[in-house]
PDB file of N, CA and C in Angstrom:
ATOM      1  N   MET A   1     135.459  71.810  95.097  1.00  0.00           N
ATOM      2  CA  MET A   1     134.022  71.286  95.199  1.00  0.00           C
ATOM      3  C   MET A   1     133.288  72.422  94.949  1.00  0.00           C
ATOM      4  N   LYS A   2     131.904  72.226  94.391  1.00  0.00           N
ATOM      5  CA  LYS A   2     131.456  72.904  94.090  1.00  0.00           C
ATOM      6  C   LYS A   2     129.887  72.724  94.757  1.00  0.00           C
ATOM      7  N   ILE A   3     128.954  73.741  95.352  1.00  0.00           N
ATOM      8  CA  ILE A   3     127.729  73.687  95.790  1.00  0.00           C
ATOM      9  C   ILE A   3     126.824  74.369  94.995  1.00  0.00           C
ATOM     10  N   ASP A   4     125.911  73.696  94.495  1.00  0.00           N
ATOM     11  CA  ASP A   4     124.757  74.837  93.618  1.00  0.00           C
ATOM     12  C   ASP A   4     123.597  74.811  94.379  1.00  0.00           C
ATOM     13  N   PHE A   5     122.881  76.181  94.431  1.00  0.00           N
ATOM     14  CA  PHE A   5     121.671  76.041  95.034  1.00  0.00           C
ATOM     15  C   PHE A   5     120.668  76.917  94.339  1.00  0.00           C
ATOM     16  N   HIS A   6     119.564  76.045  94.104  1.00  0.00           N
ATOM     17  CA  HIS A   6     118.459  76.553  93.011  1.00  0.00           C
ATOM     18  C   HIS A   6     117.155  77.052  94.366  1.00  0.00           C
ATOM     19  N   LEU A   7     116.752  78.223  93.973  1.00  0.00           N
ATOM     20  CA  LEU A   7     115.540  78.796  94.785  1.00  0.00           C
ATOM     21  C   LEU A   7     114.451  79.056  93.920  1.00  0.00           C
ATOM     22  N   GLU A   8     113.365  78.108  93.701  1.00  0.00           N
ATOM     23  CA  GLU A   8     112.275  78.214  93.288  1.00  0.00           C
ATOM     24  C   GLU A   8     111.574  79.138  94.036  1.00  0.00           C
ATOM     25  N   GLY A   9     110.466  79.857  93.316  1.00  0.00           N
ATOM     26  CA  GLY A   9     109.628  80.638  94.120  1.00  0.00           C
ATOM     27  C   GLY A   9     110.112  82.320  94.312  1.00  0.00           C
ATOM     28  N   ALA A  10     111.420  82.275  94.160  1.00  0.00           N
ATOM     29  CA  ALA A  10     111.979  83.681  94.630  1.00  0.00           C
ATOM     30  C   ALA A  10     111.320  85.130  94.341  1.00  0.00           C
ATOM     31  N   GLN A  11     110.564  84.937  92.506  1.00  0.00           N
ATOM     32  CA  GLN A  11     110.259  85.982  91.907  1.00  0.00           C
ATOM     33  C   GLN A  11     108.777  86.269  92.692  1.00  0.00           C
ATOM     34  N   ASP A  12     107.838  85.135  93.123  1.00  0.00           N
ATOM     35  CA  ASP A  12     106.892  85.230  93.663  1.00  0.00           C
ATOM     36  C   ASP A  12     107.257  85.954  95.198  1.00  0.00           C
ATOM     37  N   CYS A  13     107.935  85.156  95.666  1.00  0.00           N
ATOM     38  CA  CYS A  13     108.354  86.107  97.130  1.00  0.00           C
ATOM     39  C   CYS A  13     108.497  87.620  96.980  1.00  0.00           C
ATOM     40  N   ARG A  14     109.697  88.169  96.093  1.00  0.00           N
ATOM     41  CA  ARG A  14     109.758  89.342  95.622  1.00  0.00           C
ATOM     42  C   ARG A  14     108.276  90.296  95.718  1.00  0.00           C
ATOM     43  N   GLU A  15     107.617  89.433  94.885  1.00  0.00           N
ATOM     44  CA  GLU A  15     106.042  90.173  94.387  1.00  0.00           C
ATOM     45  C   GLU A  15     105.323  90.456  95.881  1.00  0.00           C
ATOM     46  N   ALA A  16     105.286  89.209  96.242  1.00  0.00           N
ATOM     47  CA  ALA A  16     104.414  89.274  97.621  1.00  0.00           C
ATOM     48  C   ALA A  16     105.080  90.389  98.605  1.00  0.00           C
ATOM     49  N   LEU A  17     106.200  90.526  98.748  1.00  0.00           N
ATOM     50  CA  LEU A  17     106.880  90.945  99.764  1.00  0.00           C
ATOM     51  C   LEU A  17     106.485  92.883  99.129  1.00  0.00           C
ATOM     52  N   ALA A  18     106.772  93.124  97.744  1.00  0.00           N
ATOM     53  CA  ALA A  18     106.609  94.139  97.356  1.00  0.00           C
ATOM     54  C   ALA A  18     104.867  94.882  97.532  1.00  0.00           C
ATOM     55  N   GLY A  19     104.317  93.714  97.305  1.00  0.00           N
ATOM     56  CA  GLY A  19     102.744  94.330  97.718  1.00  0.00           C
ATOM     57  C   GLY A  19     102.226  94.357  99.112  1.00  0.00           C
ATOM     58  N   PHE A  20     103.054  93.661  99.675  1.00  0.00           N
ATOM     59  CA  PHE A  20     102.881  93.773 101.234  1.00  0.00           C
ATOM     60  C   PHE A  20     103.478  95.421 101.680  1.00  0.00           C
ATOM     61  N   ALA A  21     104.286  95.459 101.416  1.00  0.00           N
ATOM     62  CA  ALA A  21     105.375  96.894 101.539  1.00  0.00           C
ATOM     63  C   ALA A  21     104.388  97.976 100.974  1.00  0.00           C
ATOM     64  N   ALA A  22     103.625  97.920  99.807  1.00  0.00           N
ATOM     65  CA  ALA A  22     102.320  98.969  99.207  1.00  0.00           C
ATOM     66  C   ALA A  22     101.324  99.187 100.335  1.00  0.00           C
ATOM     67  N   SER A  23     101.052  97.990 100.694  1.00  0.00           N
ATOM     68  CA  SER A  23      99.806  98.020 101.564  1.00  0.00           C
ATOM     69  C   SER A  23      99.947  98.603 102.918  1.00  0.00           C
ATOM     70  N   LEU A  24     101.498  98.958 103.404  1.00  0.00           N
ATOM     71  CA  LEU A  24     102.045  99.540 104.527  1.00  0.00           C
ATOM     72  C   LEU A  24     101.577 101.265 104.366  1.00  0.00           C
ATOM     73  N   LEU A  25     101.993 101.633 102.988  1.00  0.00           N
ATOM     74  CA  LEU A  25     102.081 103.015 102.918  1.00  0.00           C
ATOM     75  C   LEU A  25     100.445 103.804 103.437  1.00  0.00           C
ATOM     76  N   PRO A  26      99.407 103.113 103.053  1.00  0.00           N
ATOM     77  CA  PRO A  26      98.465 103.797 103.823  1.00  0.00           C
ATOM     78  C   PRO A  26      98.270 103.990 105.203  1.00  0.00           C
ATOM     79  N   LYS A  27      98.440 103.101 105.991  1.00  0.00           N
ATOM     80  CA  LYS A  27      98.787 102.775 107.066  1.00  0.00           C
ATOM     81  C   LYS A  27      99.723 104.011 107.936  1.00  0.00           C
ATOM     82  N   ALA A  28     100.870 104.290 107.244  1.00  0.00           N
ATOM     83  CA  ALA A  28     101.943 104.857 107.582  1.00  0.00           C
ATOM     84  C   ALA A  28     101.530 106.472 107.653  1.00  0.00           C
ATOM     85  N   ALA A  29     100.715 106.619 106.496  1.00  0.00           N
ATOM     86  CA  ALA A  29     100.095 107.835 106.278  1.00  0.00           C
ATOM     87  C   ALA A  29      98.926 108.509 107.144  1.00  0.00           C
ATOM     88  N   ARG A  30      98.134 107.645 107.801  1.00  0.00           N
ATOM     89  CA  ARG A  30      97.260 107.675 108.808  1.00  0.00           C
ATOM     90  C   ARG A  30      98.282 108.052 110.003  1.00  0.00           C
ATOM     91  N   GLY A  31      99.112 106.987 110.215  1.00  0.00           N
ATOM     92  CA  GLY A  31      99.694 107.558 111.465  1.00  0.00           C
ATOM     93  C   GLY A  31     100.449 108.861 111.625  1.00  0.00           C
ATOM     94  N   MET A  32     101.025 109.225 110.209  1.00  0.00           N
ATOM     95  CA  MET A  32     101.709 110.336 110.332  1.00  0.00           C
ATOM     96  C   MET A  32     100.889 111.709 110.329  1.00  0.00           C
ATOM     97  N   ALA A  33      99.764 111.270 109.712  1.00  0.00           N
ATOM     98  CA  ALA A  33      98.428 112.445 110.130  1.00  0.00           C
ATOM     99  C   ALA A  33      98.093 112.905 111.402  1.00  0.00           C
ATOM    100  N   ASP A  34      97.906 111.395 112.214  1.00  0.00           N
ATOM    101  CA  ASP A  34      97.714 111.755 114.080  1.00  0.00           C
ATOM    102  C   ASP A  34      99.124 112.390 114.228  1.00  0.00           C
ATOM    103  N   GLY A  35      99.927 111.961 114.250  1.00  0.00           N
ATOM    104  CA  GLY A  35     101.240 112.660 114.586  1.00  0.00           C
ATOM    105  C   GLY A  35     101.500 114.267 114.520  1.00  0.00           C
ATOM    106  N   LEU A  36     100.898 114.362 113.010  1.00  0.00           N
ATOM    107  CA  LEU A  36     100.861 116.309 112.507  1.00  0.00           C
ATOM    108  C   LEU A  36     100.018 117.041 113.295  1.00  0.00           C
ATOM    109  N   GLU A  37      98.848 116.583 113.368  1.00  0.00           N
ATOM    110  CA  GLU A  37      98.013 116.932 114.188  1.00  0.00           C
ATOM    111  C   GLU A  37      98.442 117.265 115.501  1.00  0.00           C
ATOM    112  N   ALA A  38      99.089 115.882 116.401  1.00  0.00           N
ATOM    113  CA  ALA A  38      99.660 116.415 117.749  1.00  0.00           C
ATOM    114  C   ALA A  38     100.549 117.710 117.455  1.00  0.00           C
ATOM    115  N   MET A  39     101.305 117.675 116.333  1.00  0.00           N
ATOM    116  CA  MET A  39     102.163 118.997 116.366  1.00  0.00           C
ATOM    117  C   MET A  39     101.237 120.214 116.120  1.00  0.00           C
ATOM    118  N   ALA A  40     100.592 120.294 115.288  1.00  0.00           N
ATOM    119  CA  ALA A  40      99.488 121.410 115.219  1.00  0.00           C
ATOM    120  C   ALA A  40      98.959 121.822 116.505  1.00  0.00           C
ATOM    121  N   ARG A  41      98.351 120.912 117.412  1.00  0.00           N
ATOM    122  CA  ARG A  41      97.754 121.410 118.442  1.00  0.00           C
ATOM    123  C   ARG A  41      98.583 122.005 119.420  1.00  0.00           C
ATOM    124  N   GLU A  42      99.884 121.300 119.521  1.00  0.00           N
ATOM    125  CA  GLU A  42     100.927 121.920 120.279  1.00  0.00           C
ATOM    126  C   GLU A  42     101.294 123.234 119.707  1.00  0.00           C
ATOM    127  N   ALA A  43     101.602 123.280 118.514  1.00  0.00           N
ATOM    128  CA  ALA A  43     101.861 124.843 117.827  1.00  0.00           C
ATOM    129  C   ALA A  43     100.845 125.441 118.347  1.00  0.00           C
ATOM    130  N   ARG A  44      99.820 125.490 118.500  1.00  0.00           N
ATOM    131  CA  ARG A  44      98.277 126.355 118.681  1.00  0.00           C
ATOM    132  C   ARG A  44      98.466 126.946 119.930  1.00  0.00           C
ATOM    133  N   SER A  45      99.083 125.911 121.100  1.00  0.00           N
ATOM    134  CA  SER A  45      98.964 126.330 122.059  1.00  0.00           C
ATOM    135  C   SER A  45     100.347 127.082 122.614  1.00  0.00           C
ATOM    136  N   LEU A  46     101.182 126.977 121.858  1.00  0.00           N
ATOM    137  CA  LEU A  46     102.416 127.749 122.016  1.00  0.00           C
ATOM    138  C   LEU A  46     102.401 129.098 121.358  1.00  0.00           C
ATOM    139  N   ALA A  47     101.509 129.127 120.227  1.00  0.00           N
ATOM    140  CA  ALA A  47     101.451 130.506 119.372  1.00  0.00           C
ATOM    141  C   ALA A  47     100.955 131.550 120.313  1.00  0.00           C
ATOM    142  N   PRO A  48     101.573 132.759 120.166  1.00  0.00           N
ATOM    143  CA  PRO A  48     101.130 133.864 121.063  1.00  0.00           C
ATOM    144  C   PRO A  48      99.713 134.599 119.964  1.00  0.00           C
ATOM    145  N   VAL A  49      98.904 134.848 121.378  1.00  0.00           N
ATOM    146  CA  VAL A  49      97.578 135.295 120.902  1.00  0.00           C
ATOM    147  C   VAL A  49      97.402 136.758 120.854  1.00  0.00           C
ATOM    148  N   ASP A  50      96.900 137.591 119.962  1.00  0.00           N
ATOM    149  CA  ASP A  50      96.473 138.892 119.774  1.00  0.00           C
ATOM    150  C   ASP A  50      95.082 138.837 119.103  1.00  0.00           C
ATOM    151  N   THR A  51      95.232 138.924 117.878  1.00  0.00           N
ATOM    152  CA  THR A  51      93.724 138.761 117.480  1.00  0.00           C
ATOM    153  C   THR A  51      93.061 137.085 117.326  1.00  0.00           C
ATOM    154  N   GLY A  52      93.838 136.222 117.448  1.00  0.00           N
ATOM    155  CA  GLY A  52      93.866 134.774 117.176  1.00  0.00           C
ATOM    156  C   GLY A  52      93.729 134.532 115.572  1.00  0.00           C
ATOM    157  N   GLU A  53      94.160 135.464 114.720  1.00  0.00           N
ATOM    158  CA  GLU A  53      94.417 134.822 113.352  1.00  0.00           C
ATOM    159  C   GLU A  53      95.642 133.893 112.995  1.00  0.00           C
ATOM    160  N   LEU A  54      96.281 134.171 113.912  1.00  0.00           N
ATOM    161  CA  LEU A  54      97.565 133.251 114.054  1.00  0.00           C
ATOM    162  C   LEU A  54      97.683 131.630 114.564  1.00  0.00           C
ATOM    163  N   VAL A  55      96.927 131.675 115.476  1.00  0.00           N
ATOM    164  CA  VAL A  55      96.323 130.546 116.022  1.00  0.00           C
ATOM    165  C   VAL A  55      95.559 129.784 115.190  1.00  0.00           C
ATOM    166  N   SER A  56      94.694 130.324 114.800  1.00  0.00           N
ATOM    167  CA  SER A  56      93.352 129.745 113.769  1.00  0.00           C
ATOM    168  C   SER A  56      93.967 129.480 112.404  1.00  0.00           C
ATOM    169  N   SER A  57      95.149 129.765 111.903  1.00  0.00           N
ATOM    170  CA  SER A  57      95.823 129.539 110.897  1.00  0.00           C
ATOM    171  C   SER A  57      96.738 128.355 111.007  1.00  0.00           C
ATOM    172  N   ILE A  58      96.919 127.718 112.080  1.00  0.00           N
ATOM    173  CA  ILE A  58      97.882 126.690 111.995  1.00  0.00           C
ATOM    174  C   ILE A  58      97.005 125.660 112.240  1.00  0.00           C
ATOM    175  N   GLN A  59      97.485 124.751 111.154  1.00  0.00           N
ATOM    176  CA  GLN A  59      96.758 123.214 110.832  1.00  0.00           C
ATOM    177  C   GLN A  59      97.930 122.461 109.817  1.00  0.00           C
ATOM    178  N   ALA A  60      97.286 121.093 110.561  1.00  0.00           N
ATOM    179  CA  ALA A  60      97.973 119.671 109.826  1.00  0.00           C
ATOM    180  C   ALA A  60      97.360 119.764 108.684  1.00  0.00           C
ATOM    181  N   GLU A  61      98.010 119.884 107.728  1.00  0.00           N
ATOM    182  CA  GLU A  61      97.475 119.386 106.094  1.00  0.00           C
ATOM    183  C   GLU A  61      97.717 118.525 106.025  1.00  0.00           C
ATOM    184  N   PRO A  62      96.690 117.780 105.057  1.00  0.00           N
ATOM    185  CA  PRO A  62      96.341 116.723 104.898  1.00  0.00           C
ATOM    186  C   PRO A  62      97.390 115.671 104.223  1.00  0.00           C
ATOM    187  N   VAL A  63      97.695 114.479 104.653  1.00  0.00           N
ATOM    188  CA  VAL A  63      98.935 113.755 104.191  1.00  0.00           C
ATOM    189  C   VAL A  63      98.379 113.351 102.767  1.00  0.00           C
ATOM    190  N   THR A  64      99.442 113.567 101.807  1.00  0.00           N
ATOM    191  CA  THR A  64      99.036 113.414 100.640  1.00  0.00           C
ATOM    192  C   THR A  64     100.194 111.718 100.080  1.00  0.00           C
ATOM    193  N   GLN A  65      99.703 110.895  99.200  1.00  0.00           N
ATOM    194  CA  GLN A  65     100.503 109.877  98.732  1.00  0.00           C
ATOM    195  C   GLN A  65     101.119 109.935  97.638  1.00  0.00           C
ATOM    196  N   GLU A  66     102.421 109.934  97.195  1.00  0.00           N
ATOM    197  CA  GLU A  66     102.486 109.843  95.756  1.00  0.00           C
ATOM    198  C   GLU A  66     103.603 108.840  95.516  1.00  0.00           C
ATOM    199  N   GLY A  67     103.815 107.793  94.810  1.00  0.00           N
ATOM    200  CA  GLY A  67     104.527 106.648  94.655  1.00  0.00           C
ATOM    201  C   GLY A  67     104.498 105.960  95.707  1.00  0.00           C
ATOM    202  N   GLU A  68     105.981 105.999  96.022  1.00  0.00           N
ATOM    203  CA  GLU A  68     106.330 105.028  97.394  1.00  0.00           C
ATOM    204  C   GLU A  68     106.341 106.159  98.715  1.00  0.00           C
ATOM    205  N   GLU A  69     105.837 107.230  98.630  1.00  0.00           N
ATOM    206  CA  GLU A  69     106.177 108.467  99.624  1.00  0.00           C
ATOM    207  C   GLU A  69     104.734 108.847 100.143  1.00  0.00           C
ATOM    208  N   ALA A  70     104.929 109.213 101.208  1.00  0.00           N
ATOM    209  CA  ALA A  70     103.895 109.863 101.941  1.00  0.00           C
ATOM    210  C   ALA A  70     104.215 110.995 102.463  1.00  0.00           C
ATOM    211  N   MET A  71     103.708 112.350 102.248  1.00  0.00           N
ATOM    212  CA  MET A  71     104.133 113.593 102.805  1.00  0.00           C
ATOM    213  C   MET A  71     103.035 114.560 103.203  1.00  0.00           C
ATOM    214  N   GLY A  72     103.395 115.392 104.303  1.00  0.00           N
ATOM    215  CA  GLY A  72     102.280 115.941 105.065  1.00  0.00           C
ATOM    216  C   GLY A  72     103.355 116.928 105.779  1.00  0.00           C
ATOM    217  N   CYS A  73     102.398 118.337 106.539  1.00  0.00           N
ATOM    218  CA  CYS A  73     103.194 119.102 107.167  1.00  0.00           C
ATOM    219  C   CYS A  73     102.210 119.789 107.911  1.00  0.00           C
ATOM    220  N   VAL A  74     102.931 120.643 108.865  1.00  0.00           N
ATOM    221  CA  VAL A  74     101.850 121.709 109.770  1.00  0.00           C
ATOM    222  C   VAL A  74     102.356 122.857 109.342  1.00  0.00           C
ATOM    223  N   ARG A  75     101.242 123.685 108.963  1.00  0.00           N
ATOM    224  CA  ARG A  75     101.368 125.130 108.526  1.00  0.00           C
ATOM    225  C   ARG A  75     100.598 126.187 109.229  1.00  0.00           C
ATOM    226  N   ALA A  76     101.377 127.244 109.434  1.00  0.00           N
ATOM    227  CA  ALA A  76     100.890 128.307 109.788  1.00  0.00           C
ATOM    228  C   ALA A  76     100.450 129.379 108.691  1.00  0.00           C
ATOM    229  N   ALA A  77      99.203 129.873 108.139  1.00  0.00           N
ATOM    230  CA  ALA A  77      99.319 130.492 106.971  1.00  0.00           C
ATOM    231  C   ALA A  77      99.186 131.855 107.177  1.00  0.00           C
ATOM    232  N   ALA A  78      98.604 132.352 108.659  1.00  0.00           N
ATOM    233  CA  ALA A  78      98.897 133.931 108.331  1.00  0.00           C
ATOM    234  C   ALA A  78      99.864 134.675 108.009  1.00  0.00           C
ATOM    235  N   ASP A  79      99.672 135.728 107.551  1.00  0.00           N
ATOM    236  CA  ASP A  79     100.556 136.483 106.676  1.00  0.00           C
ATOM    237  C   ASP A  79     102.136 136.629 107.846  1.00  0.00           C
ATOM    238  N   HIS A  80     101.787 137.093 109.262  1.00  0.00           N
ATOM    239  CA  HIS A  80     102.938 137.372 110.103  1.00  0.00           C
ATOM    240  C   HIS A  80     103.231 136.193 110.904  1.00  0.00           C
ATOM    241  N   ALA A  81     103.186 134.845 110.350  1.00  0.00           N
ATOM    242  CA  ALA A  81     103.245 133.806 111.264  1.00  0.00           C
ATOM    243  C   ALA A  81     104.975 133.969 111.197  1.00  0.00           C
ATOM    244  N   ALA A  82     105.703 134.144 110.121  1.00  0.00           N
ATOM    245  CA  ALA A  82     107.087 133.694 110.000  1.00  0.00           C
ATOM    246  C   ALA A  82     107.656 135.041 110.645  1.00  0.00           C
ATOM    247  N   CYS A  83     107.215 136.054 110.623  1.00  0.00           N
ATOM    248  CA  CYS A  83     107.792 137.048 111.484  1.00  0.00           C
ATOM    249  C   CYS A  83     107.416 137.001 113.122  1.00  0.00           C
ATOM    250  N   VAL A  84     106.509 136.272 113.426  1.00  0.00           N
ATOM    251  CA  VAL A  84     106.425 135.946 114.793  1.00  0.00           C
ATOM    252  C   VAL A  84     107.455 134.586 115.200  1.00  0.00           C
ATOM    253  N   GLU A  85     107.543 133.504 114.331  1.00  0.00           N
ATOM    254  CA  GLU A  85     107.994 132.309 114.660  1.00  0.00           C
ATOM    255  C   GLU A  85     109.762 132.958 114.476  1.00  0.00           C
ATOM    256  N   LEU A  86     110.016 133.820 113.896  1.00  0.00           N
ATOM    257  CA  LEU A  86     111.805 134.279 113.451  1.00  0.00           C
ATOM    258  C   LEU A  86     112.192 135.652 114.049  1.00  0.00           C
ATOM    259  N   GLY A  87     111.058 136.136 114.157  1.00  0.00           N
ATOM    260  CA  GLY A  87     111.359 137.852 114.807  1.00  0.00           C
ATOM    261  C   GLY A  87     111.411 138.411 113.698  1.00  0.00           C
ATOM    262  N   THR A  88     111.976 139.770 113.678  1.00  0.00           N
ATOM    263  CA  THR A  88     112.248 140.622 112.887  1.00  0.00           C
ATOM    264  C   THR A  88     113.147 141.680 113.350  1.00  0.00           C
ATOM    265  N   GLU A  89     113.451 142.889 112.627  1.00  0.00           N
ATOM    266  CA  GLU A  89     114.254 143.367 113.243  1.00  0.00           C
ATOM    267  C   GLU A  89     113.978 144.475 114.448  1.00  0.00           C
ATOM    268  N   HIS A  90     112.305 144.770 114.780  1.00  0.00           N
ATOM    269  CA  HIS A  90     112.009 145.250 115.705  1.00  0.00           C
ATOM    270  C   HIS A  90     110.961 144.442 116.595  1.00  0.00           C
ATOM    271  N   GLN A  91     111.122 143.006 116.116  1.00  0.00           N
ATOM    272  CA  GLN A  91     110.416 142.045 117.396  1.00  0.00           C
ATOM    273  C   GLN A  91     111.298 141.049 117.501  1.00  0.00           C
ATOM    274  N   PRO A  92     111.406 140.581 118.608  1.00  0.00           N
ATOM    275  CA  PRO A  92     111.943 139.269 119.103  1.00  0.00           C
ATOM    276  C   PRO A  92     111.391 138.017 118.324  1.00  0.00           C
ATOM    277  N   ALA A  93     111.936 137.067 118.197  1.00  0.00           N
ATOM    278  CA  ALA A  93     111.628 135.812 118.000  1.00  0.00           C
ATOM    279  C   ALA A  93     110.667 135.184 118.535  1.00  0.00           C
ATOM    280  N   ARG A  94     109.177 134.652 118.555  1.00  0.00           N
ATOM    281  CA  ARG A  94     108.662 134.081 119.341  1.00  0.00           C
ATOM    282  C   ARG A  94     107.870 132.654 118.707  1.00  0.00           C
ATOM    283  N   PRO A  95     109.325 131.788 118.969  1.00  0.00           N
ATOM    284  CA  PRO A  95     108.984 130.425 118.058  1.00  0.00           C
ATOM    285  C   PRO A  95     107.551 129.746 118.892  1.00  0.00           C
ATOM    286  N   PHE A  96     106.893 129.254 118.014  1.00  0.00           N
ATOM    287  CA  PHE A  96     105.806 128.128 118.125  1.00  0.00           C
ATOM    288  C   PHE A  96     105.965 127.068 117.261  1.00  0.00           C
ATOM    289  N   LEU A  97     106.089 127.228 116.273  1.00  0.00           N
ATOM    290  CA  LEU A  97     106.208 125.953 115.348  1.00  0.00           C
ATOM    291  C   LEU A  97     107.179 125.243 115.520  1.00  0.00           C
ATOM    292  N   PHE A  98     108.429 125.641 115.535  1.00  0.00           N
ATOM    293  CA  PHE A  98     109.593 124.722 116.019  1.00  0.00           C
ATOM    294  C   PHE A  98     109.649 123.861 116.750  1.00  0.00           C
ATOM    295  N   PRO A  99     109.644 124.619 117.829  1.00  0.00           N
ATOM    296  CA  PRO A  99     109.290 123.733 119.135  1.00  0.00           C
ATOM    297  C   PRO A  99     108.080 122.505 119.330  1.00  0.00           C
ATOM    298  N   ALA A 100     107.056 123.192 118.540  1.00  0.00           N
ATOM    299  CA  ALA A 100     106.106 122.117 118.552  1.00  0.00           C
ATOM    300  C   ALA A 100     106.496 120.858 117.842  1.00  0.00           C
ATOM    301  N   CYS A 101     107.150 121.104 116.613  1.00  0.00           N
ATOM    302  CA  CYS A 101     107.712 120.114 115.734  1.00  0.00           C
ATOM    303  C   CYS A 101     108.637 119.044 116.529  1.00  0.00           C
ATOM    304  N   GLN A 102     109.761 119.984 117.250  1.00  0.00           N
ATOM    305  CA  GLN A 102     110.584 119.329 118.216  1.00  0.00           C
ATOM    306  C   GLN A 102     110.102 118.397 119.276  1.00  0.00           C
ATOM    307  N   ALA A 103     108.997 118.970 119.901  1.00  0.00           N
ATOM    308  CA  ALA A 103     108.363 118.328 120.741  1.00  0.00           C
ATOM    309  C   ALA A 103     107.510 116.955 120.605  1.00  0.00           C
ATOM    310  N   HIS A 104     106.944 116.864 119.239  1.00  0.00           N
ATOM    311  CA  HIS A 104     106.341 115.768 119.108  1.00  0.00           C
ATOM    312  C   HIS A 104     106.947 115.036 117.888  1.00  0.00           C
ATOM    313  N   ARG A 105     108.244 114.913 117.815  1.00  0.00           N
ATOM    314  CA  ARG A 105     108.871 114.500 116.483  1.00  0.00           C
ATOM    315  C   ARG A 105     108.732 112.607 116.872  1.00  0.00           C
ATOM    316  N   ASP A 106     108.929 112.432 118.099  1.00  0.00           N
ATOM    317  CA  ASP A 106     108.891 111.290 118.838  1.00  0.00           C
ATOM    318  C   ASP A 106     107.470 110.694 118.712  1.00  0.00           C
ATOM    319  N   THR A 107     106.481 111.390 119.031  1.00  0.00           N
ATOM    320  CA  THR A 107     104.903 111.339 118.947  1.00  0.00           C
ATOM    321  C   THR A 107     104.553 110.826 117.319  1.00  0.00           C
ATOM    322  N   LEU A 108     105.139 111.665 116.468  1.00  0.00           N
ATOM    323  CA  LEU A 108     104.899 111.201 114.844  1.00  0.00           C
ATOM    324  C   LEU A 108     105.288 109.992 114.799  1.00  0.00           C
ATOM    325  N   LEU A 109     106.563 109.759 114.811  1.00  0.00           N
ATOM    326  CA  LEU A 109     107.282 108.541 114.672  1.00  0.00           C
ATOM    327  C   LEU A 109     106.575 107.429 115.425  1.00  0.00           C
ATOM    328  N   GLN A 110     106.016 107.266 116.553  1.00  0.00           N
ATOM    329  CA  GLN A 110     105.333 106.502 117.257  1.00  0.00           C
ATOM    330  C   GLN A 110     104.080 106.080 116.809  1.00  0.00           C
ATOM    331  N   ALA A 111     103.163 107.080 115.991  1.00  0.00           N
ATOM    332  CA  ALA A 111     101.853 107.240 115.384  1.00  0.00           C
ATOM    333  C   ALA A 111     102.169 106.141 114.477  1.00  0.00           C
ATOM    334  N   VAL A 112     103.026 106.638 113.567  1.00  0.00           N
ATOM    335  CA  VAL A 112     103.458 105.700 112.605  1.00  0.00           C
ATOM    336  C   VAL A 112     103.972 104.671 112.598  1.00  0.00           C
ATOM    337  N   ALA A 113     104.466 104.260 113.556  1.00  0.00           N
ATOM    338  CA  ALA A 113     104.984 102.877 113.732  1.00  0.00           C
ATOM    339  C   ALA A 113     103.349 101.741 114.399  1.00  0.00           C
ATOM    340  N   ALA A 114     103.039 102.685 115.284  1.00  0.00           N
ATOM    341  CA  ALA A 114     101.724 102.049 115.572  1.00  0.00           C
ATOM    342  C   ALA A 114     100.614 101.687 114.459  1.00  0.00           C
ATOM    343  N   SER A 115     100.810 102.581 113.594  1.00  0.00           N
ATOM    344  CA  SER A 115      99.602 102.238 112.343  1.00  0.00           C
ATOM    345  C   SER A 115     100.276 101.057 111.707  1.00  0.00           C
ATOM    346  N   ILE A 116     101.201 101.200 111.330  1.00  0.00           N
ATOM    347  CA  ILE A 116     102.143 100.060 110.442  1.00  0.00           C
ATOM    348  C   ILE A 116     101.813  98.848 110.966  1.00  0.00           C
ATOM    349  N   ARG A 117     102.141  98.914 112.671  1.00  0.00           N
ATOM    350  CA  ARG A 117     101.951  97.620 113.251  1.00  0.00           C
ATOM    351  C   ARG A 117     100.450  96.633 113.287  1.00  0.00           C
ATOM    352  N   GLU A 118      99.433  97.591 113.240  1.00  0.00           N
ATOM    353  CA  GLU A 118      97.810  97.198 112.873  1.00  0.00           C
ATOM    354  C   GLU A 118      97.977  95.986 111.576  1.00  0.00           C
ATOM    355  N   GLU A 119      99.006  96.567 110.600  1.00  0.00           N
ATOM    356  CA  GLU A 119      98.839  95.680 109.545  1.00  0.00           C
ATOM    357  C   GLU A 119      99.819  94.291 109.284  1.00  0.00           C
ATOM    358  N   LEU A 120     100.493  94.573 110.355  1.00  0.00           N
ATOM    359  CA  LEU A 120     101.048  93.470 110.737  1.00  0.00           C
ATOM    360  C   LEU A 120     100.680  91.979 111.316  1.00  0.00           C
ATOM    361  N   PRO A 121     100.645  90.921 110.761  1.00  0.00           N
ATOM    362  CA  PRO A 121      99.901  89.591 110.902  1.00  0.00           C
ATOM    363  C   PRO A 121     100.430  89.117 112.712  1.00  0.00           C
TER     364      PRO A 121
END
């Protein structure tokens, strides 16, 4: 016994789904930007303040889209940022960036999900 199935329009369906998936990336990128900004705010609140240079150097970088990926980061650009975060031989670590990222990891994921949900019918 043999049963054959023929599905018409499968290619059209695949193309429509690919187009829909591509339309989600800008929404996901916007959500990522919101989540990264929350991380940056937290990092600024956790960073030790001496001159204020470190705190003012903490920024959420603009999210970029390349192909099917969105990329972004939170950066502390002050020259001494790594020494403060990781410590040195003469100074204990005073982490601010890693704890902020850990604290807002779920915030970032929720922001991405909320932005994508806006696109759904």
